[in-house]
C-alpha atoms as a PDB file:
ATOM      1  CA  UNK A   1       0.000   0.000   0.000  1.00  0.00           C
ATOM      2  CA  UNK A   2       2.874   2.423   0.691  1.00  0.00           C
ATOM      3  CA  UNK A   3       4.022   1.854  -2.848  1.00  0.00           C
ATOM      4  CA  UNK A   4       0.629   2.273  -4.481  1.00  0.00           C
ATOM      5  CA  UNK A   5      -0.896   5.377  -2.904  1.00  0.00           C
ATOM      6  CA  UNK A   6       0.902   8.549  -1.995  1.00  0.00           C
ATOM      7  CA  UNK A   7      -1.297   9.291   0.969  1.00  0.00           C
ATOM      8  CA  UNK A   8      -0.875   5.839   2.446  1.00  0.00           C
ATOM      9  CA  UNK A   9       2.831   6.114   1.836  1.00  0.00           C
ATOM     10  CA  UNK A  10       2.594   8.808   4.491  1.00  0.00           C
ATOM     11  CA  UNK A  11       0.427   6.863   6.928  1.00  0.00           C
ATOM     12  CA  UNK A  12       3.353   5.935   9.217  1.00  0.00           C
ATOM     13  CA  UNK A  13       4.472   9.581   9.072  1.00  0.00           C
ATOM     14  CA  UNK A  14       0.967  10.738   9.958  1.00  0.00           C
ATOM     15  CA  UNK A  15       0.917   8.423  12.932  1.00  0.00           C
ATOM     16  CA  UNK A  16       4.396   9.473  13.996  1.00  0.00           C
ATOM     17  CA  UNK A  17       3.662  13.173  13.648  1.00  0.00           C
ATOM     18  CA  UNK A  18       0.548  12.769  15.703  1.00  0.00           C
ATOM     19  CA  UNK A  19       2.639  11.490  18.577  1.00  0.00           C
ATOM     20  CA  UNK A  20       5.061  14.404  18.501  1.00  0.00           C
ATOM     21  CA  UNK A  21       2.930  17.250  19.762  1.00  0.00           C
ATOM     22  CA  UNK A  22       4.832  17.238  23.043  1.00  0.00           C
ATOM     23  CA  UNK A  23       7.682  15.471  24.777  1.00  0.00           C
ATOM     24  CA  UNK A  24       5.188  13.298  26.630  1.00  0.00           C
ATOM     25  CA  UNK A  25       2.962  11.215  24.330  1.00  0.00           C
ATOM     26  CA  UNK A  26       0.303  11.087  27.022  1.00  0.00           C
ATOM     27  CA  UNK A  27      -0.067  14.854  27.175  1.00  0.00           C
ATOM     28  CA  UNK A  28      -0.762  15.666  23.534  1.00  0.00           C
ATOM     29  CA  UNK A  29      -4.253  16.857  24.410  1.00  0.00           C
ATOM     30  CA  UNK A  30      -5.959  13.927  22.689  1.00  0.00           C
ATOM     31  CA  UNK A  31      -8.551  12.202  24.819  1.00  0.00           C
ATOM     32  CA  UNK A  32      -8.745   8.474  24.235  1.00  0.00           C
ATOM     33  CA  UNK A  33     -12.421   7.738  24.762  1.00  0.00           C
ATOM     34  CA  UNK A  34     -14.115   4.436  24.286  1.00  0.00           C
ATOM     35  CA  UNK A  35     -17.169   2.860  22.729  1.00  0.00           C
ATOM     36  CA  UNK A  36     -19.703   5.285  21.286  1.00  0.00           C
ATOM     37  CA  UNK A  37     -17.103   8.045  21.041  1.00  0.00           C
ATOM     38  CA  UNK A  38     -16.523   8.080  17.292  1.00  0.00           C
ATOM     39  CA  UNK A  39     -17.732  11.685  16.979  1.00  0.00           C
ATOM     40  CA  UNK A  40     -20.858  10.602  15.115  1.00  0.00           C
ATOM     41  CA  UNK A  41     -18.969   8.748  12.400  1.00  0.00           C
ATOM     42  CA  UNK A  42     -20.784   5.540  11.355  1.00  0.00           C
ATOM     43  CA  UNK A  43     -19.010   2.452  10.046  1.00  0.00           C
ATOM     44  CA  UNK A  44     -20.859  -0.370   8.298  1.00  0.00           C
ATOM     45  CA  UNK A  45     -19.821  -3.518   6.485  1.00  0.00           C
ATOM     46  CA  UNK A  46     -18.308  -6.787   7.618  1.00  0.00           C
ATOM     47  CA  UNK A  47     -14.846  -7.049   9.109  1.00  0.00           C
ATOM     48  CA  UNK A  48     -12.566  -8.478   6.447  1.00  0.00           C
ATOM     49  CA  UNK A  49     -13.936  -6.220   3.716  1.00  0.00           C
ATOM     50  CA  UNK A  50     -13.562  -2.548   2.893  1.00  0.00           C
ATOM     51  CA  UNK A  51     -15.821  -0.568   5.256  1.00  0.00           C
ATOM     52  CA  UNK A  52     -18.404   2.045   4.388  1.00  0.00           C
ATOM     53  CA  UNK A  53     -18.044   5.227   6.443  1.00  0.00           C
ATOM     54  CA  UNK A  54     -20.768   7.848   6.858  1.00  0.00           C
ATOM     55  CA  UNK A  55     -19.939  11.263   8.291  1.00  0.00           C
ATOM     56  CA  UNK A  56     -22.253  13.524  10.295  1.00  0.00           C
ATOM     57  CA  UNK A  57     -23.204  16.937   8.925  1.00  0.00           C
ATOM     58  CA  UNK A  58     -21.481  20.014  10.240  1.00  0.00           C
ATOM     59  CA  UNK A  59     -17.962  20.811  11.351  1.00  0.00           C
ATOM     60  CA  UNK A  60     -15.471  17.921  11.549  1.00  0.00           C
ATOM     61  CA  UNK A  61     -14.485  16.756  15.023  1.00  0.00           C
ATOM     62  CA  UNK A  62     -11.762  18.777  16.721  1.00  0.00           C
ATOM     63  CA  UNK A  63     -11.159  16.210  19.449  1.00  0.00           C
ATOM     64  CA  UNK A  64      -9.533  12.823  18.876  1.00  0.00           C
ATOM     65  CA  UNK A  65     -11.343   9.664  19.913  1.00  0.00           C
ATOM     66  CA  UNK A  66     -11.741   6.008  19.191  1.00  0.00           C
ATOM     67  CA  UNK A  67     -14.598   3.543  19.068  1.00  0.00           C
ATOM     68  CA  UNK A  68     -14.509  -0.241  19.094  1.00  0.00           C
ATOM     69  CA  UNK A  69     -16.834  -1.207  16.227  1.00  0.00           C
ATOM     70  CA  UNK A  70     -16.298  -4.948  16.592  1.00  0.00           C
ATOM     71  CA  UNK A  71     -14.357  -6.247  19.620  1.00  0.00           C
ATOM     72  CA  UNK A  72     -13.057  -9.402  17.931  1.00  0.00           C
ATOM     73  CA  UNK A  73     -12.775 -12.863  19.419  1.00  0.00           C
ATOM     74  CA  UNK A  74      -9.095 -13.705  19.005  1.00  0.00           C
ATOM     75  CA  UNK A  75      -6.028 -12.819  21.014  1.00  0.00           C
ATOM     76  CA  UNK A  76      -5.854  -9.424  22.673  1.00  0.00           C
ATOM     77  CA  UNK A  77      -3.381  -6.670  21.792  1.00  0.00           C
ATOM     78  CA  UNK A  78      -1.003  -5.198  24.338  1.00  0.00           C
ATOM     79  CA  UNK A  79       1.466  -2.326  24.387  1.00  0.00           C
ATOM     80  CA  UNK A  80       4.606  -3.216  22.477  1.00  0.00           C
ATOM     81  CA  UNK A  81       2.859  -5.519  19.995  1.00  0.00           C
ATOM     82  CA  UNK A  82       3.291  -5.018  16.266  1.00  0.00           C
ATOM     83  CA  UNK A  83      -0.270  -5.255  15.017  1.00  0.00           C
ATOM     84  CA  UNK A  84      -1.064  -6.287  11.439  1.00  0.00           C
ATOM     85  CA  UNK A  85      -4.072  -4.392  10.127  1.00  0.00           C
ATOM     86  CA  UNK A  86      -6.120  -3.681   7.072  1.00  0.00           C
ATOM     87  CA  UNK A  87      -6.819   0.026   7.177  1.00  0.00           C
ATOM     88  CA  UNK A  88      -8.906   2.579   5.341  1.00  0.00           C
ATOM     89  CA  UNK A  89      -8.161   6.300   5.694  1.00  0.00           C
ATOM     90  CA  UNK A  90     -10.391   9.347   5.113  1.00  0.00           C
ATOM     91  CA  UNK A  91      -9.874  13.097   5.182  1.00  0.00           C
ATOM     92  CA  UNK A  92     -12.779  14.474   7.236  1.00  0.00           C
ATOM     93  CA  UNK A  93     -12.926  18.020   5.891  1.00  0.00           C
ATOM     94  CA  UNK A  94     -16.706  18.508   6.072  1.00  0.00           C
ATOM     95  CA  UNK A  95     -16.917  18.678   2.285  1.00  0.00           C
ATOM     96  CA  UNK A  96     -16.080  15.601   0.244  1.00  0.00           C
ATOM     97  CA  UNK A  97     -14.694  13.595   3.191  1.00  0.00           C
ATOM     98  CA  UNK A  98     -12.703  11.724   0.584  1.00  0.00           C
ATOM     99  CA  UNK A  99     -11.197   8.314   1.127  1.00  0.00           C
ATOM    100  CA  UNK A 100      -7.414   8.545   0.923  1.00  0.00           C
ATOM    101  CA  UNK A 101      -6.763   4.875   0.361  1.00  0.00           C
ATOM    102  CA  UNK A 102      -7.338   1.393   1.670  1.00  0.00           C
ATOM    103  CA  UNK A 103      -5.224  -1.705   2.061  1.00  0.00           C
ATOM    104  CA  UNK A 104      -8.280  -3.630   0.863  1.00  0.00           C
ATOM    105  CA  UNK A 105      -7.669  -2.041  -2.534  1.00  0.00           C
ATOM    106  CA  UNK A 106      -3.912  -2.702  -2.564  1.00  0.00           C
ATOM    107  CA  UNK A 107      -4.269  -6.111  -0.853  1.00  0.00           C
ATOM    108  CA  UNK A 108      -1.261  -5.319   1.346  1.00  0.00           C
ATOM    109  CA  UNK A 109      -1.955  -5.082   5.094  1.00  0.00           C
ATOM    110  CA  UNK A 110       0.128  -2.695   7.198  1.00  0.00           C
ATOM    111  CA  UNK A 111       2.069  -3.351  10.398  1.00  0.00           C
ATOM    112  CA  UNK A 112       1.891  -0.744  13.179  1.00  0.00           C
ATOM    113  CA  UNK A 113       3.878  -0.842  16.404  1.00  0.00           C
ATOM    114  CA  UNK A 114       1.689  -0.124  19.436  1.00  0.00           C
ATOM    115  CA  UNK A 115       4.175   2.148  21.164  1.00  0.00           C
ATOM    116  CA  UNK A 116       4.740   5.785  22.063  1.00  0.00           C
ATOM    117  CA  UNK A 117       5.459   6.715  18.460  1.00  0.00           C
ATOM    118  CA  UNK A 118       1.730   6.622  17.682  1.00  0.00           C
ATOM    119  CA  UNK A 119      -0.902   8.937  19.202  1.00  0.00           C
ATOM    120  CA  UNK A 120      -2.143   8.187  22.698  1.00  0.00           C
ATOM    121  CA  UNK A 121      -5.651   7.637  21.352  1.00  0.00           C
ATOM    122  CA  UNK A 122      -4.350   4.737  19.259  1.00  0.00           C
ATOM    123  CA  UNK A 123      -2.110   3.383  21.998  1.00  0.00           C
ATOM    124  CA  UNK A 124      -5.241   2.919  24.101  1.00  0.00           C
ATOM    125  CA  UNK A 125      -7.659   1.998  21.325  1.00  0.00           C
ATOM    126  CA  UNK A 126      -5.609  -0.910  19.994  1.00  0.00           C
ATOM    127  CA  UNK A 127      -5.496  -2.516  23.431  1.00  0.00           C
ATOM    128  CA  UNK A 128      -9.319  -2.535  23.562  1.00  0.00           C
ATOM    129  CA  UNK A 129      -9.763  -4.698  20.461  1.00  0.00           C
ATOM    130  CA  UNK A 130      -8.805  -8.295  19.681  1.00  0.00           C
ATOM    131  CA  UNK A 131      -7.772 -10.158  16.561  1.00  0.00           C
ATOM    132  CA  UNK A 132     -10.685 -10.173  14.131  1.00  0.00           C
ATOM    133  CA  UNK A 133     -12.017  -6.894  15.505  1.00  0.00           C
ATOM    134  CA  UNK A 134     -12.522  -3.439  14.012  1.00  0.00           C
ATOM    135  CA  UNK A 135     -11.420  -0.108  15.476  1.00  0.00           C
ATOM    136  CA  UNK A 136     -12.505   3.376  14.403  1.00  0.00           C
ATOM    137  CA  UNK A 137     -10.087   6.193  15.219  1.00  0.00           C
ATOM    138  CA  UNK A 138     -10.668   9.911  14.718  1.00  0.00           C
ATOM    139  CA  UNK A 139      -7.388  11.829  14.741  1.00  0.00           C
ATOM    140  CA  UNK A 140      -7.981  15.561  14.988  1.00  0.00           C
ATOM    141  CA  UNK A 141      -5.427  18.338  15.263  1.00  0.00           C
ATOM    142  CA  UNK A 142      -5.295  17.951  19.057  1.00  0.00           C
ATOM    143  CA  UNK A 143      -3.169  14.860  18.417  1.00  0.00           C
ATOM    144  CA  UNK A 144      -1.113  16.259  15.559  1.00  0.00           C
ATOM    145  CA  UNK A 145       2.314  17.825  15.789  1.00  0.00           C
ATOM    146  CA  UNK A 146       2.240  21.588  16.157  1.00  0.00           C
ATOM    147  CA  UNK A 147       2.260  23.231  12.729  1.00  0.00           C
ATOM    148  CA  UNK A 148       3.778  26.599  11.764  1.00  0.00           C
ATOM    149  CA  UNK A 149       1.168  29.358  11.720  1.00  0.00           C
ATOM    150  CA  UNK A 150       1.721  29.828   7.986  1.00  0.00           C
ATOM    151  CA  UNK A 151       0.973  26.175   7.238  1.00  0.00           C
ATOM    152  CA  UNK A 152      -2.667  25.116   6.783  1.00  0.00           C
ATOM    153  CA  UNK A 153      -3.993  22.750   9.425  1.00  0.00           C
ATOM    154  CA  UNK A 154      -4.302  19.109   8.419  1.00  0.00           C
ATOM    155  CA  UNK A 155      -7.861  17.826   7.973  1.00  0.00           C
ATOM    156  CA  UNK A 156      -9.126  15.518  10.682  1.00  0.00           C
ATOM    157  CA  UNK A 157      -8.170  11.960   9.754  1.00  0.00           C
ATOM    158  CA  UNK A 158     -10.489   9.005  10.166  1.00  0.00           C
ATOM    159  CA  UNK A 159      -8.990   5.523  10.254  1.00  0.00           C
ATOM    160  CA  UNK A 160     -10.819   2.214  10.230  1.00  0.00           C
ATOM    161  CA  UNK A 161      -8.525  -0.607  11.349  1.00  0.00           C
ATOM    162  CA  UNK A 162      -9.421  -4.279  10.894  1.00  0.00           C
ATOM    163  CA  UNK A 163      -7.149  -6.370  13.106  1.00  0.00           C
ATOM    164  CA  UNK A 164      -5.546  -9.218  11.174  1.00  0.00           C
ATOM    165  CA  UNK A 165      -3.114 -10.367  13.861  1.00  0.00           C
ATOM    166  CA  UNK A 166       0.182  -9.484  15.488  1.00  0.00           C
ATOM    167  CA  UNK A 167       3.654  -9.937  14.099  1.00  0.00           C
ATOM    168  CA  UNK A 168       6.012 -12.179  16.064  1.00  0.00           C
ATOM    169  CA  UNK A 169       8.667 -10.189  17.924  1.00  0.00           C
ATOM    170  CA  UNK A 170      11.976  -9.855  16.061  1.00  0.00           C
ATOM    171  CA  UNK A 171      14.766 -12.283  16.781  1.00  0.00           C
ATOM    172  CA  UNK A 172      17.632 -11.291  19.085  1.00  0.00           C
ATOM    173  CA  UNK A 173      20.283 -12.516  16.664  1.00  0.00           C
ATOM    174  CA  UNK A 174      20.670 -14.743  13.621  1.00  0.00           C
ATOM    175  CA  UNK A 175      19.517 -18.289  14.136  1.00  0.00           C
ATOM    176  CA  UNK A 176      19.875 -21.207  11.781  1.00  0.00           C
ATOM    177  CA  UNK A 177      22.502 -23.411  10.196  1.00  0.00           C
ATOM    178  CA  UNK A 178      26.055 -22.225   9.626  1.00  0.00           C
ATOM    179  CA  UNK A 179      26.859 -22.581   5.947  1.00  0.00           C
ATOM    180  CA  UNK A 180      30.647 -22.543   6.059  1.00  0.00           C
ATOM    181  CA  UNK A 181      30.769 -19.728   3.493  1.00  0.00           C
ATOM    182  CA  UNK A 182      33.297 -16.914   3.846  1.00  0.00           C
ATOM    183  CA  UNK A 183      34.373 -13.711   2.113  1.00  0.00           C
ATOM    184  CA  UNK A 184      38.022 -13.672   1.078  1.00  0.00           C
ATOM    185  CA  UNK A 185      39.931 -10.965   2.916  1.00  0.00           C
ATOM    186  CA  UNK A 186      37.269 -10.624   5.627  1.00  0.00           C
ATOM    187  CA  UNK A 187      36.940 -12.551   8.882  1.00  0.00           C
ATOM    188  CA  UNK A 188      33.696 -13.002  10.806  1.00  0.00           C
ATOM    189  CA  UNK A 189      33.567 -14.845  14.113  1.00  0.00           C
ATOM    190  CA  UNK A 190      30.114 -15.926  15.262  1.00  0.00           C
ATOM    191  CA  UNK A 191      30.157 -16.591  19.022  1.00  0.00           C
ATOM    192  CA  UNK A 192      26.676 -18.107  19.079  1.00  0.00           C
ATOM    193  CA  UNK A 193      23.581 -17.295  21.074  1.00  0.00           C
ATOM    194  CA  UNK A 194      22.512 -13.670  21.137  1.00  0.00           C
ATOM    195  CA  UNK A 195      26.059 -12.295  21.080  1.00  0.00           C
ATOM    196  CA  UNK A 196      27.333  -9.971  18.376  1.00  0.00           C
ATOM    197  CA  UNK A 197      29.600 -11.364  15.670  1.00  0.00           C
ATOM    198  CA  UNK A 198      33.109  -9.967  15.334  1.00  0.00           C
ATOM    199  CA  UNK A 199      34.025  -8.470  11.954  1.00  0.00           C
ATOM    200  CA  UNK A 200      37.633  -7.950  10.838  1.00  0.00           C
ATOM    201  CA  UNK A 201      38.398  -6.219   7.528  1.00  0.00           C
ATOM    202  CA  UNK A 202      42.151  -5.612   7.851  1.00  0.00           C
ATOM    203  CA  UNK A 203      43.481  -7.145   4.646  1.00  0.00           C
ATOM    204  CA  UNK A 204      45.829  -6.633   1.722  1.00  0.00           C
ATOM    205  CA  UNK A 205      43.328  -8.280  -0.596  1.00  0.00           C
ATOM    206  CA  UNK A 206      41.922  -6.052  -3.315  1.00  0.00           C
ATOM    207  CA  UNK A 207      38.153  -5.617  -2.944  1.00  0.00           C
ATOM    208  CA  UNK A 208      35.814  -6.693  -5.714  1.00  0.00           C
ATOM    209  CA  UNK A 209      34.265  -3.974  -7.846  1.00  0.00           C
ATOM    210  CA  UNK A 210      31.036  -5.995  -7.695  1.00  0.00           C
ATOM    211  CA  UNK A 211      28.649  -6.627  -4.827  1.00  0.00           C
ATOM    212  CA  UNK A 212      29.649  -9.773  -2.942  1.00  0.00           C
ATOM    213  CA  UNK A 213      27.202 -11.358  -0.492  1.00  0.00           C
ATOM    214  CA  UNK A 214      27.942 -14.477   1.543  1.00  0.00           C
ATOM    215  CA  UNK A 215      25.428 -16.168   3.824  1.00  0.00           C
ATOM    216  CA  UNK A 216      27.161 -17.254   7.030  1.00  0.00           C
ATOM    217  CA  UNK A 217      24.057 -18.476   8.856  1.00  0.00           C
ATOM    218  CA  UNK A 218      20.987 -19.391   6.839  1.00  0.00           C
ATOM    219  CA  UNK A 219      17.746 -18.571   8.628  1.00  0.00           C
ATOM    220  CA  UNK A 220      14.492 -20.440   8.271  1.00  0.00           C
ATOM    221  CA  UNK A 221      12.123 -17.456   8.048  1.00  0.00           C
ATOM    222  CA  UNK A 222      10.406 -16.009   4.977  1.00  0.00           C
ATOM    223  CA  UNK A 223      12.583 -14.422   2.314  1.00  0.00           C
ATOM    224  CA  UNK A 224      12.991 -10.660   2.480  1.00  0.00           C
ATOM    225  CA  UNK A 225      11.048  -8.706  -0.139  1.00  0.00           C
ATOM    226  CA  UNK A 226      12.361  -5.453  -1.586  1.00  0.00           C
ATOM    227  CA  UNK A 227       9.259  -3.584  -0.400  1.00  0.00           C
ATOM    228  CA  UNK A 228       9.524  -4.633   3.252  1.00  0.00           C
ATOM    229  CA  UNK A 229      10.690  -2.897   6.404  1.00  0.00           C
ATOM    230  CA  UNK A 230      13.539  -4.779   8.079  1.00  0.00           C
ATOM    231  CA  UNK A 231      14.704  -5.133  11.651  1.00  0.00           C
ATOM    232  CA  UNK A 232      18.427  -5.878  11.705  1.00  0.00           C
ATOM    233  CA  UNK A 233      21.581  -5.876  13.769  1.00  0.00           C
ATOM    234  CA  UNK A 234      24.729  -4.945  11.875  1.00  0.00           C
ATOM    235  CA  UNK A 235      28.334  -3.801  12.036  1.00  0.00           C
ATOM    236  CA  UNK A 236      29.937  -1.768   9.249  1.00  0.00           C
ATOM    237  CA  UNK A 237      33.660  -1.363   8.555  1.00  0.00           C
ATOM    238  CA  UNK A 238      35.900  -0.074   5.764  1.00  0.00           C
ATOM    239  CA  UNK A 239      37.590  -2.627   3.550  1.00  0.00           C
ATOM    240  CA  UNK A 240      41.320  -2.930   4.257  1.00  0.00           C
ATOM    241  CA  UNK A 241      41.622  -0.671   7.311  1.00  0.00           C
ATOM    242  CA  UNK A 242      39.329  -2.471   9.809  1.00  0.00           C
ATOM    243  CA  UNK A 243      37.935   0.968  10.696  1.00  0.00           C
ATOM    244  CA  UNK A 244      34.425   0.672  12.106  1.00  0.00           C
ATOM    245  CA  UNK A 245      31.972   3.414  11.155  1.00  0.00           C
ATOM    246  CA  UNK A 246      28.718   2.053  12.575  1.00  0.00           C
ATOM    247  CA  UNK A 247      27.293  -0.731  14.720  1.00  0.00           C
ATOM    248  CA  UNK A 248      23.761  -1.287  15.967  1.00  0.00           C
ATOM    249  CA  UNK A 249      25.158  -3.893  18.341  1.00  0.00           C
ATOM    250  CA  UNK A 250      27.172  -1.237  20.157  1.00  0.00           C
ATOM    251  CA  UNK A 251      24.113   0.999  20.426  1.00  0.00           C
ATOM    252  CA  UNK A 252      22.276  -1.900  22.056  1.00  0.00           C
ATOM    253  CA  UNK A 253      19.248  -1.512  19.791  1.00  0.00           C
ATOM    254  CA  UNK A 254      18.408  -3.144  16.434  1.00  0.00           C
ATOM    255  CA  UNK A 255      17.844  -0.825  13.481  1.00  0.00           C
ATOM    256  CA  UNK A 256      14.524  -0.697  11.618  1.00  0.00           C
ATOM    257  CA  UNK A 257      14.084   0.794   8.161  1.00  0.00           C
ATOM    258  CA  UNK A 258      12.408   0.285   4.768  1.00  0.00           C
ATOM    259  CA  UNK A 259      14.795  -1.690   2.589  1.00  0.00           C
ATOM    260  CA  UNK A 260      13.929   0.635  -0.297  1.00  0.00           C
ATOM    261  CA  UNK A 261      15.344   3.583   1.672  1.00  0.00           C
ATOM    262  CA  UNK A 262      18.948   2.422   2.146  1.00  0.00           C
ATOM    263  CA  UNK A 263      22.003   2.189  -0.102  1.00  0.00           C
ATOM    264  CA  UNK A 264      21.734   0.046  -3.210  1.00  0.00           C
ATOM    265  CA  UNK A 265      24.198  -2.510  -1.885  1.00  0.00           C
ATOM    266  CA  UNK A 266      21.817  -3.315   0.955  1.00  0.00           C
ATOM    267  CA  UNK A 267      18.792  -3.330  -1.331  1.00  0.00           C
ATOM    268  CA  UNK A 268      20.396  -5.775  -3.735  1.00  0.00           C
ATOM    269  CA  UNK A 269      22.234  -7.805  -1.113  1.00  0.00           C
ATOM    270  CA  UNK A 270      19.413  -8.463   1.336  1.00  0.00           C
ATOM    271  CA  UNK A 271      16.410  -8.984  -0.955  1.00  0.00           C
ATOM    272  CA  UNK A 272      15.657 -12.698  -1.097  1.00  0.00           C
ATOM    273  CA  UNK A 273      17.627 -13.581   2.052  1.00  0.00           C
ATOM    274  CA  UNK A 274      15.600 -15.549   4.654  1.00  0.00           C
ATOM    275  CA  UNK A 275      14.786 -13.906   7.971  1.00  0.00           C
ATOM    276  CA  UNK A 276      17.087 -15.263  10.667  1.00  0.00           C
ATOM    277  CA  UNK A 277      20.131 -15.199   8.392  1.00  0.00           C
ATOM    278  CA  UNK A 278      23.535 -13.645   8.982  1.00  0.00           C
ATOM    279  CA  UNK A 279      25.262 -12.318   5.881  1.00  0.00           C
ATOM    280  CA  UNK A 280      28.519 -10.537   5.183  1.00  0.00           C
ATOM    281  CA  UNK A 281      28.540  -8.092   2.284  1.00  0.00           C
ATOM    282  CA  UNK A 282      31.293  -6.276   0.408  1.00  0.00           C
ATOM    283  CA  UNK A 283      29.742  -3.217  -1.211  1.00  0.00           C
ATOM    284  CA  UNK A 284      31.649  -1.313  -3.929  1.00  0.00           C
ATOM    285  CA  UNK A 285      31.514   2.503  -3.958  1.00  0.00           C
ATOM    286  CA  UNK A 286      28.959   2.718  -6.772  1.00  0.00           C
ATOM    287  CA  UNK A 287      26.466   0.743  -4.640  1.00  0.00           C
ATOM    288  CA  UNK A 288      27.410   2.600  -1.457  1.00  0.00           C
ATOM    289  CA  UNK A 289      28.167   6.293  -1.129  1.00  0.00           C
ATOM    290  CA  UNK A 290      30.229   6.738  -4.296  1.00  0.00           C
ATOM    291  CA  UNK A 291      32.169   9.992  -4.467  1.00  0.00           C
ATOM    292  CA  UNK A 292      30.348  11.464  -1.453  1.00  0.00           C
ATOM    293  CA  UNK A 293      32.203  11.216   1.844  1.00  0.00           C
ATOM    294  CA  UNK A 294      30.071  10.425   4.881  1.00  0.00           C
ATOM    295  CA  UNK A 295      30.809  10.729   8.564  1.00  0.00           C
ATOM    296  CA  UNK A 296      33.610   8.228   9.158  1.00  0.00           C
ATOM    297  CA  UNK A 297      33.496   7.039   5.527  1.00  0.00           C
ATOM    298  CA  UNK A 298      35.880   8.528   2.935  1.00  0.00           C
ATOM    299  CA  UNK A 299      34.731   8.969  -0.647  1.00  0.00           C
ATOM    300  CA  UNK A 300      35.018   5.902  -2.914  1.00  0.00           C
ATOM    301  CA  UNK A 301      35.138   3.487   0.019  1.00  0.00           C
ATOM    302  CA  UNK A 302      34.349  -0.200  -0.230  1.00  0.00           C
ATOM    303  CA  UNK A 303      32.056  -0.999   2.675  1.00  0.00           C
ATOM    304  CA  UNK A 304      31.827  -4.277   4.562  1.00  0.00           C
ATOM    305  CA  UNK A 305      28.795  -5.179   6.647  1.00  0.00           C
ATOM    306  CA  UNK A 306      27.875  -8.192   8.698  1.00  0.00           C
ATOM    307  CA  UNK A 307      24.085  -8.170   9.018  1.00  0.00           C
ATOM    308  CA  UNK A 308      21.663 -10.238  11.083  1.00  0.00           C
ATOM    309  CA  UNK A 309      18.136 -10.133   9.631  1.00  0.00           C
ATOM    310  CA  UNK A 310      15.897 -10.232  12.697  1.00  0.00           C
ATOM    311  CA  UNK A 311      12.503  -9.502  11.163  1.00  0.00           C
ATOM    312  CA  UNK A 312      10.709  -8.236   8.056  1.00  0.00           C
ATOM    313  CA  UNK A 313       7.245  -6.744   7.617  1.00  0.00           C
END
């Protein structure tokens, strides 16, 4: 859906912005109210199909709220879960109230983390519905990030979420069978368990001018698709010098990003690799940062990464 509709490409940004109105997500001014609080918005249709939404006459709601349309009968949702949803989004402007897109049209459900990066009204609302349920959320400007005075206010957004399930939590580290593969000139030591691998790139070997990807541990999860968002642990060093320029392991937190938004070497090297795998990649300059120096990375550098693919959605 992010790839098919511009507005739904911004859905995660809308949700994130709505959480940033203050330093404390619970004090954005949005009131998370329960059943019957959908500001007069009516939702009809069966869960599992695109809903029909009817708006009341008059001025759009200026206060955020949620309403449980169908409670569902499956597992409950708790804070910290990554909930898989079909969603339909409307601009409630009091005029056309136009639909902005629906995953029922694109046939690609979305995954949303129930955490402090989404508005308080959604943090609460998701925990009141179970798998197979339907949640209506009205997100007015009281839950949006503060806008410059010269910028027009965003229309009130209306979301209808159908709960498909929850995504399993990401792995802690690569898990699977060691393949015995290696990358000439590079040494990777895998200590096992949830410990970080050690990457050494001090070598006199000349790097390849092509992308080289070796699978060190082959996971058993689904293969990564180019359109997905990945959760990974990684360490990055410069070929030949053993100089480290980045490591999620040292930060103590996996990285999460759309695969389509990173350097080409990662896009080409990780697509098709099973979740749970550990790979080592040698990335030539033309698939990395090319002639542009980055912090800690000189221009025309060959980059070496060891990457654990912990999850994909």
